[in-house]
Amino acid sequence: MWFMEEVGELAAALRAGEDREHLRHEFADVLAWLATLANIAGVDLDEAVEQLYGSGCPKCRCCPCACVAAKP
């Protein structure tokens, strides 16, 4: 539940166009809770990210992803 609350706060901050410092704080909160949940579940985030995104986006293979930019 805490994770979802933090994601909601981040979404609200992005929607409101908050300043960079506020966004940094919200992104950090989301990342901290995500890492905590992964740790509780026994998931190695470094390994998971490398496996899925080590070669860039799984669809377009670009880094950063170009899939959104390609949509009309």
PDB file of N, CA and C in Angstrom:
ATOM      1  N   MET A   1       0.824  -1.199   0.000  1.00  0.00           N
ATOM      2  CA  MET A   1       0.000   0.000   0.000  1.00  0.00           C
ATOM      3  C   MET A   1       0.867   1.262   0.000  1.00  0.00           C
ATOM      4  N   TRP A   2       1.964   1.229   0.753  1.00  0.00           N
ATOM      5  CA  TRP A   2       2.842   2.400   0.797  1.00  0.00           C
ATOM      6  C   TRP A   2       3.421   2.691  -0.582  1.00  0.00           C
ATOM      7  N   PHE A   3       3.787   1.628  -1.278  1.00  0.00           N
ATOM      8  CA  PHE A   3       4.342   1.788  -2.623  1.00  0.00           C
ATOM      9  C   PHE A   3       3.330   2.487  -3.534  1.00  0.00           C
ATOM     10  N   MET A   4       2.098   2.030  -3.510  1.00  0.00           N
ATOM     11  CA  MET A   4       1.064   2.611  -4.356  1.00  0.00           C
ATOM     12  C   MET A   4       0.820   4.076  -3.990  1.00  0.00           C
ATOM     13  N   GLU A   5       0.879   4.390  -2.712  1.00  0.00           N
ATOM     14  CA  GLU A   5       0.719   5.777  -2.284  1.00  0.00           C
ATOM     15  C   GLU A   5       1.834   6.644  -2.871  1.00  0.00           C
ATOM     16  N   GLU A   6       3.055   6.134  -2.819  1.00  0.00           N
ATOM     17  CA  GLU A   6       4.189   6.891  -3.352  1.00  0.00           C
ATOM     18  C   GLU A   6       4.085   7.061  -4.870  1.00  0.00           C
ATOM     19  N   VAL A   7       3.626   6.023  -5.565  1.00  0.00           N
ATOM     20  CA  VAL A   7       3.432   6.133  -7.011  1.00  0.00           C
ATOM     21  C   VAL A   7       2.379   7.198  -7.303  1.00  0.00           C
ATOM     22  N   GLY A   8       1.322   7.227  -6.508  1.00  0.00           N
ATOM     23  CA  GLY A   8       0.290   8.246  -6.671  1.00  0.00           C
ATOM     24  C   GLY A   8       0.831   9.647  -6.456  1.00  0.00           C
ATOM     25  N   GLU A   9       1.683   9.813  -5.441  1.00  0.00           N
ATOM     26  CA  GLU A   9       2.292  11.116  -5.188  1.00  0.00           C
ATOM     27  C   GLU A   9       3.195  11.535  -6.347  1.00  0.00           C
ATOM     28  N   LEU A  10       3.932  10.582  -6.901  1.00  0.00           N
ATOM     29  CA  LEU A  10       4.783  10.885  -8.049  1.00  0.00           C
ATOM     30  C   LEU A  10       3.937  11.292  -9.248  1.00  0.00           C
ATOM     31  N   ALA A  11       2.866  10.557  -9.504  1.00  0.00           N
ATOM     32  CA  ALA A  11       1.986  10.884 -10.628  1.00  0.00           C
ATOM     33  C   ALA A  11       1.392  12.279 -10.462  1.00  0.00           C
ATOM     34  N   ALA A  12       0.978  12.603  -9.259  1.00  0.00           N
ATOM     35  CA  ALA A  12       0.403  13.927  -9.001  1.00  0.00           C
ATOM     36  C   ALA A  12       1.443  15.024  -9.214  1.00  0.00           C
ATOM     37  N   ALA A  13       2.664  14.777  -8.771  1.00  0.00           N
ATOM     38  CA  ALA A  13       3.735  15.763  -8.935  1.00  0.00           C
ATOM     39  C   ALA A  13       4.066  15.974 -10.412  1.00  0.00           C
ATOM     40  N   LEU A  14       4.100  14.893 -11.185  1.00  0.00           N
ATOM     41  CA  LEU A  14       4.361  15.006 -12.622  1.00  0.00           C
ATOM     42  C   LEU A  14       3.229  15.765 -13.317  1.00  0.00           C
ATOM     43  N   ARG A  15       2.002  15.405 -12.949  1.00  0.00           N
ATOM     44  CA  ARG A  15       0.836  16.054 -13.545  1.00  0.00           C
ATOM     45  C   ARG A  15       0.811  17.546 -13.239  1.00  0.00           C
ATOM     46  N   ALA A  16       1.239  17.911 -12.018  1.00  0.00           N
ATOM     47  CA  ALA A  16       1.208  19.311 -11.588  1.00  0.00           C
ATOM     48  C   ALA A  16       2.397  20.117 -12.109  1.00  0.00           C
ATOM     49  N   GLY A  17       3.357  19.429 -12.731  1.00  0.00           N
ATOM     50  CA  GLY A  17       4.533  20.134 -13.238  1.00  0.00           C
ATOM     51  C   GLY A  17       5.433  20.639 -12.129  1.00  0.00           C
ATOM     52  N   GLU A  18       5.535  19.870 -11.051  1.00  0.00           N
ATOM     53  CA  GLU A  18       6.369  20.263  -9.909  1.00  0.00           C
ATOM     54  C   GLU A  18       7.823  20.469 -10.338  1.00  0.00           C
ATOM     55  N   ASP A  19       8.554  21.210  -9.523  1.00  0.00           N
ATOM     56  CA  ASP A  19       9.959  21.486  -9.834  1.00  0.00           C
ATOM     57  C   ASP A  19      10.808  20.224  -9.694  1.00  0.00           C
ATOM     58  N   ARG A  20      11.994  20.292 -10.258  1.00  0.00           N
ATOM     59  CA  ARG A  20      12.903  19.149 -10.326  1.00  0.00           C
ATOM     60  C   ARG A  20      13.222  18.573  -8.945  1.00  0.00           C
ATOM     61  N   GLU A  21      13.407  19.411  -7.953  1.00  0.00           N
ATOM     62  CA  GLU A  21      13.740  18.929  -6.613  1.00  0.00           C
ATOM     63  C   GLU A  21      12.591  18.115  -6.013  1.00  0.00           C
ATOM     64  N   HIS A  22      11.380  18.594  -6.207  1.00  0.00           N
ATOM     65  CA  HIS A  22      10.216  17.850  -5.700  1.00  0.00           C
ATOM     66  C   HIS A  22      10.095  16.512  -6.419  1.00  0.00           C
ATOM     67  N   LEU A  23      10.293  16.519  -7.737  1.00  0.00           N
ATOM     68  CA  LEU A  23      10.234  15.271  -8.498  1.00  0.00           C
ATOM     69  C   LEU A  23      11.321  14.298  -8.059  1.00  0.00           C
ATOM     70  N   ARG A  24      12.527  14.814  -7.800  1.00  0.00           N
ATOM     71  CA  ARG A  24      13.615  13.951  -7.311  1.00  0.00           C
ATOM     72  C   ARG A  24      13.195  13.234  -6.036  1.00  0.00           C
ATOM     73  N   HIS A  25      12.565  13.965  -5.145  1.00  0.00           N
ATOM     74  CA  HIS A  25      12.103  13.401  -3.874  1.00  0.00           C
ATOM     75  C   HIS A  25      11.072  12.293  -4.120  1.00  0.00           C
ATOM     76  N   GLU A  26      10.110  12.568  -4.983  1.00  0.00           N
ATOM     77  CA  GLU A  26       9.055  11.580  -5.241  1.00  0.00           C
ATOM     78  C   GLU A  26       9.595  10.345  -5.956  1.00  0.00           C
ATOM     79  N   PHE A  27      10.485  10.537  -6.943  1.00  0.00           N
ATOM     80  CA  PHE A  27      11.102   9.389  -7.610  1.00  0.00           C
ATOM     81  C   PHE A  27      11.900   8.548  -6.613  1.00  0.00           C
ATOM     82  N   ALA A  28      12.633   9.199  -5.719  1.00  0.00           N
ATOM     83  CA  ALA A  28      13.419   8.483  -4.715  1.00  0.00           C
ATOM     84  C   ALA A  28      12.521   7.664  -3.799  1.00  0.00           C
ATOM     85  N   ASP A  29      11.386   8.224  -3.395  1.00  0.00           N
ATOM     86  CA  ASP A  29      10.448   7.486  -2.543  1.00  0.00           C
ATOM     87  C   ASP A  29       9.940   6.238  -3.253  1.00  0.00           C
ATOM     88  N   VAL A  30       9.562   6.387  -4.521  1.00  0.00           N
ATOM     89  CA  VAL A  30       9.060   5.241  -5.286  1.00  0.00           C
ATOM     90  C   VAL A  30      10.144   4.177  -5.425  1.00  0.00           C
ATOM     91  N   LEU A  31      11.350   4.603  -5.754  1.00  0.00           N
ATOM     92  CA  LEU A  31      12.453   3.657  -5.922  1.00  0.00           C
ATOM     93  C   LEU A  31      12.770   2.929  -4.613  1.00  0.00           C
ATOM     94  N   ALA A  32      12.771   3.658  -3.507  1.00  0.00           N
ATOM     95  CA  ALA A  32      13.066   3.042  -2.211  1.00  0.00           C
ATOM     96  C   ALA A  32      12.030   1.984  -1.857  1.00  0.00           C
ATOM     97  N   TRP A  33      10.751   2.291  -2.075  1.00  0.00           N
ATOM     98  CA  TRP A  33       9.717   1.300  -1.764  1.00  0.00           C
ATOM     99  C   TRP A  33       9.758   0.121  -2.729  1.00  0.00           C
ATOM    100  N   LEU A  34      10.052   0.362  -3.995  1.00  0.00           N
ATOM    101  CA  LEU A  34      10.173  -0.738  -4.948  1.00  0.00           C
ATOM    102  C   LEU A  34      11.308  -1.674  -4.544  1.00  0.00           C
ATOM    103  N   ALA A  35      12.451  -1.096  -4.172  1.00  0.00           N
ATOM    104  CA  ALA A  35      13.592  -1.913  -3.746  1.00  0.00           C
ATOM    105  C   ALA A  35      13.262  -2.693  -2.477  1.00  0.00           C
ATOM    106  N   THR A  36      12.538  -2.078  -1.567  1.00  0.00           N
ATOM    107  CA  THR A  36      12.139  -2.757  -0.332  1.00  0.00           C
ATOM    108  C   THR A  36      11.240  -3.950  -0.644  1.00  0.00           C
ATOM    109  N   LEU A  37      10.257  -3.750  -1.500  1.00  0.00           N
ATOM    110  CA  LEU A  37       9.354  -4.849  -1.865  1.00  0.00           C
ATOM    111  C   LEU A  37      10.093  -5.973  -2.582  1.00  0.00           C
ATOM    112  N   ALA A  38      11.010  -5.614  -3.473  1.00  0.00           N
ATOM    113  CA  ALA A  38      11.798  -6.634  -4.170  1.00  0.00           C
ATOM    114  C   ALA A  38      12.629  -7.425  -3.171  1.00  0.00           C
ATOM    115  N   ASN A  39      13.228  -6.741  -2.214  1.00  0.00           N
ATOM    116  CA  ASN A  39      14.026  -7.411  -1.189  1.00  0.00           C
ATOM    117  C   ASN A  39      13.170  -8.375  -0.370  1.00  0.00           C
ATOM    118  N   ILE A  40      11.990  -7.944   0.036  1.00  0.00           N
ATOM    119  CA  ILE A  40      11.084  -8.806   0.798  1.00  0.00           C
ATOM    120  C   ILE A  40      10.695 -10.036  -0.010  1.00  0.00           C
ATOM    121  N   ALA A  41      10.497  -9.857  -1.321  1.00  0.00           N
ATOM    122  CA  ALA A  41      10.095 -10.964  -2.198  1.00  0.00           C
ATOM    123  C   ALA A  41      11.270 -11.816  -2.655  1.00  0.00           C
ATOM    124  N   GLY A  42      12.496 -11.414  -2.302  1.00  0.00           N
ATOM    125  CA  GLY A  42      13.665 -12.183  -2.693  1.00  0.00           C
ATOM    126  C   GLY A  42      14.063 -12.000  -4.152  1.00  0.00           C
ATOM    127  N   VAL A  43      13.704 -10.854  -4.727  1.00  0.00           N
ATOM    128  CA  VAL A  43      14.034 -10.572  -6.125  1.00  0.00           C
ATOM    129  C   VAL A  43      15.236  -9.633  -6.174  1.00  0.00           C
ATOM    130  N   ASP A  44      16.243 -10.004  -6.949  1.00  0.00           N
ATOM    131  CA  ASP A  44      17.422  -9.170  -7.158  1.00  0.00           C
ATOM    132  C   ASP A  44      17.102  -8.206  -8.293  1.00  0.00           C
ATOM    133  N   LEU A  45      16.878  -6.940  -7.959  1.00  0.00           N
ATOM    134  CA  LEU A  45      16.491  -5.961  -8.979  1.00  0.00           C
ATOM    135  C   LEU A  45      17.567  -5.762 -10.032  1.00  0.00           C
ATOM    136  N   ASP A  46      18.830  -5.738  -9.631  1.00  0.00           N
ATOM    137  CA  ASP A  46      19.906  -5.584 -10.616  1.00  0.00           C
ATOM    138  C   ASP A  46      19.835  -6.689 -11.664  1.00  0.00           C
ATOM    139  N   GLU A  47      19.667  -7.904 -11.201  1.00  0.00           N
ATOM    140  CA  GLU A  47      19.588  -9.047 -12.111  1.00  0.00           C
ATOM    141  C   GLU A  47      18.344  -8.970 -12.993  1.00  0.00           C
ATOM    142  N   ALA A  48      17.218  -8.604 -12.404  1.00  0.00           N
ATOM    143  CA  ALA A  48      15.966  -8.523 -13.164  1.00  0.00           C
ATOM    144  C   ALA A  48      16.053  -7.463 -14.258  1.00  0.00           C
ATOM    145  N   VAL A  49      16.592  -6.299 -13.930  1.00  0.00           N
ATOM    146  CA  VAL A  49      16.707  -5.220 -14.917  1.00  0.00           C
ATOM    147  C   VAL A  49      17.693  -5.597 -16.017  1.00  0.00           C
ATOM    148  N   GLU A  50      18.815  -6.178 -15.634  1.00  0.00           N
ATOM    149  CA  GLU A  50      19.808  -6.585 -16.633  1.00  0.00           C
ATOM    150  C   GLU A  50      19.227  -7.629 -17.579  1.00  0.00           C
ATOM    151  N   GLN A  51      18.485  -8.583 -17.021  1.00  0.00           N
ATOM    152  CA  GLN A  51      17.916  -9.645 -17.845  1.00  0.00           C
ATOM    153  C   GLN A  51      16.883  -9.099 -18.832  1.00  0.00           C
ATOM    154  N   LEU A  52      16.058  -8.179 -18.383  1.00  0.00           N
ATOM    155  CA  LEU A  52      14.988  -7.677 -19.238  1.00  0.00           C
ATOM    156  C   LEU A  52      15.422  -6.511 -20.113  1.00  0.00           C
ATOM    157  N   TYR A  53      16.259  -5.613 -19.576  1.00  0.00           N
ATOM    158  CA  TYR A  53      16.603  -4.382 -20.284  1.00  0.00           C
ATOM    159  C   TYR A  53      18.090  -4.234 -20.594  1.00  0.00           C
ATOM    160  N   GLY A  54      18.865  -5.270 -20.396  1.00  0.00           N
ATOM    161  CA  GLY A  54      20.310  -5.198 -20.628  1.00  0.00           C
ATOM    162  C   GLY A  54      20.686  -4.822 -22.048  1.00  0.00           C
ATOM    163  N   SER A  55      19.825  -5.139 -23.001  1.00  0.00           N
ATOM    164  CA  SER A  55      20.081  -4.804 -24.405  1.00  0.00           C
ATOM    165  C   SER A  55      19.202  -3.656 -24.871  1.00  0.00           C
ATOM    166  N   GLY A  56      18.698  -2.859 -23.937  1.00  0.00           N
ATOM    167  CA  GLY A  56      17.795  -1.770 -24.282  1.00  0.00           C
ATOM    168  C   GLY A  56      16.359  -2.209 -24.144  1.00  0.00           C
ATOM    169  N   CYS A  57      15.474  -1.473 -24.752  1.00  0.00           N
ATOM    170  CA  CYS A  57      14.045  -1.779 -24.710  1.00  0.00           C
ATOM    171  C   CYS A  57      13.807  -3.176 -25.295  1.00  0.00           C
ATOM    172  N   PRO A  58      13.001  -4.004 -24.621  1.00  0.00           N
ATOM    173  CA  PRO A  58      12.737  -5.346 -25.153  1.00  0.00           C
ATOM    174  C   PRO A  58      12.073  -5.346 -26.532  1.00  0.00           C
ATOM    175  N   LYS A  59      11.376  -4.257 -26.877  1.00  0.00           N
ATOM    176  CA  LYS A  59      10.688  -4.212 -28.176  1.00  0.00           C
ATOM    177  C   LYS A  59      11.554  -3.592 -29.266  1.00  0.00           C
ATOM    178  N   CYS A  60      12.065  -2.370 -29.014  1.00  0.00           N
ATOM    179  CA  CYS A  60      12.792  -1.667 -30.076  1.00  0.00           C
ATOM    180  C   CYS A  60      14.314  -1.790 -29.946  1.00  0.00           C
ATOM    181  N   ARG A  61      14.788  -2.300 -28.797  1.00  0.00           N
ATOM    182  CA  ARG A  61      16.214  -2.482 -28.497  1.00  0.00           C
ATOM    183  C   ARG A  61      16.986  -1.168 -28.384  1.00  0.00           C
ATOM    184  N   CYS A  62      16.287  -0.038 -28.366  1.00  0.00           N
ATOM    185  CA  CYS A  62      16.954   1.252 -28.199  1.00  0.00           C
ATOM    186  C   CYS A  62      17.083   1.593 -26.719  1.00  0.00           C
ATOM    187  N   CYS A  63      18.066   2.401 -26.406  1.00  0.00           N
ATOM    188  CA  CYS A  63      18.258   2.874 -25.045  1.00  0.00           C
ATOM    189  C   CYS A  63      18.635   4.347 -25.102  1.00  0.00           C
ATOM    190  N   PRO A  64      17.756   5.257 -24.754  1.00  0.00           N
ATOM    191  CA  PRO A  64      16.420   5.025 -24.203  1.00  0.00           C
ATOM    192  C   PRO A  64      15.438   4.532 -25.259  1.00  0.00           C
ATOM    193  N   CYS A  65      14.350   3.998 -24.792  1.00  0.00           N
ATOM    194  CA  CYS A  65      13.321   3.431 -25.657  1.00  0.00           C
ATOM    195  C   CYS A  65      12.835   4.457 -26.673  1.00  0.00           C
ATOM    196  N   ALA A  66      12.659   4.000 -27.910  1.00  0.00           N
ATOM    197  CA  ALA A  66      12.137   4.851 -28.971  1.00  0.00           C
ATOM    198  C   ALA A  66      10.722   4.464 -29.367  1.00  0.00           C
ATOM    199  N   CYS A  67      10.122   3.507 -28.665  1.00  0.00           N
ATOM    200  CA  CYS A  67       8.773   3.044 -29.019  1.00  0.00           C
ATOM    201  C   CYS A  67       7.753   4.161 -28.937  1.00  0.00           C
ATOM    202  N   VAL A  68       7.764   4.933 -27.883  1.00  0.00           N
ATOM    203  CA  VAL A  68       6.791   6.013 -27.704  1.00  0.00           C
ATOM    204  C   VAL A  68       7.006   7.083 -28.762  1.00  0.00           C
ATOM    205  N   ALA A  69       8.245   7.397 -29.053  1.00  0.00           N
ATOM    206  CA  ALA A  69       8.545   8.423 -30.053  1.00  0.00           C
ATOM    207  C   ALA A  69       8.065   8.008 -31.446  1.00  0.00           C
ATOM    208  N   ALA A  70       8.000   6.719 -31.689  1.00  0.00           N
ATOM    209  CA  ALA A  70       7.599   6.228 -33.014  1.00  0.00           C
ATOM    210  C   ALA A  70       6.093   6.240 -33.201  1.00  0.00           C
ATOM    211  N   LYS A  71       5.323   6.336 -32.092  1.00  0.00           N
ATOM    212  CA  LYS A  71       3.861   6.347 -32.210  1.00  0.00           C
ATOM    213  C   LYS A  71       3.407   7.703 -32.714  1.00  0.00           C
ATOM    214  N   PRO A  72       2.380   7.694 -33.591  1.00  0.00           N
ATOM    215  CA  PRO A  72       1.882   8.969 -34.148  1.00  0.00           C
ATOM    216  C   PRO A  72       1.196   9.824 -33.105  1.00  0.00           C
TER     217      PRO A  72
END
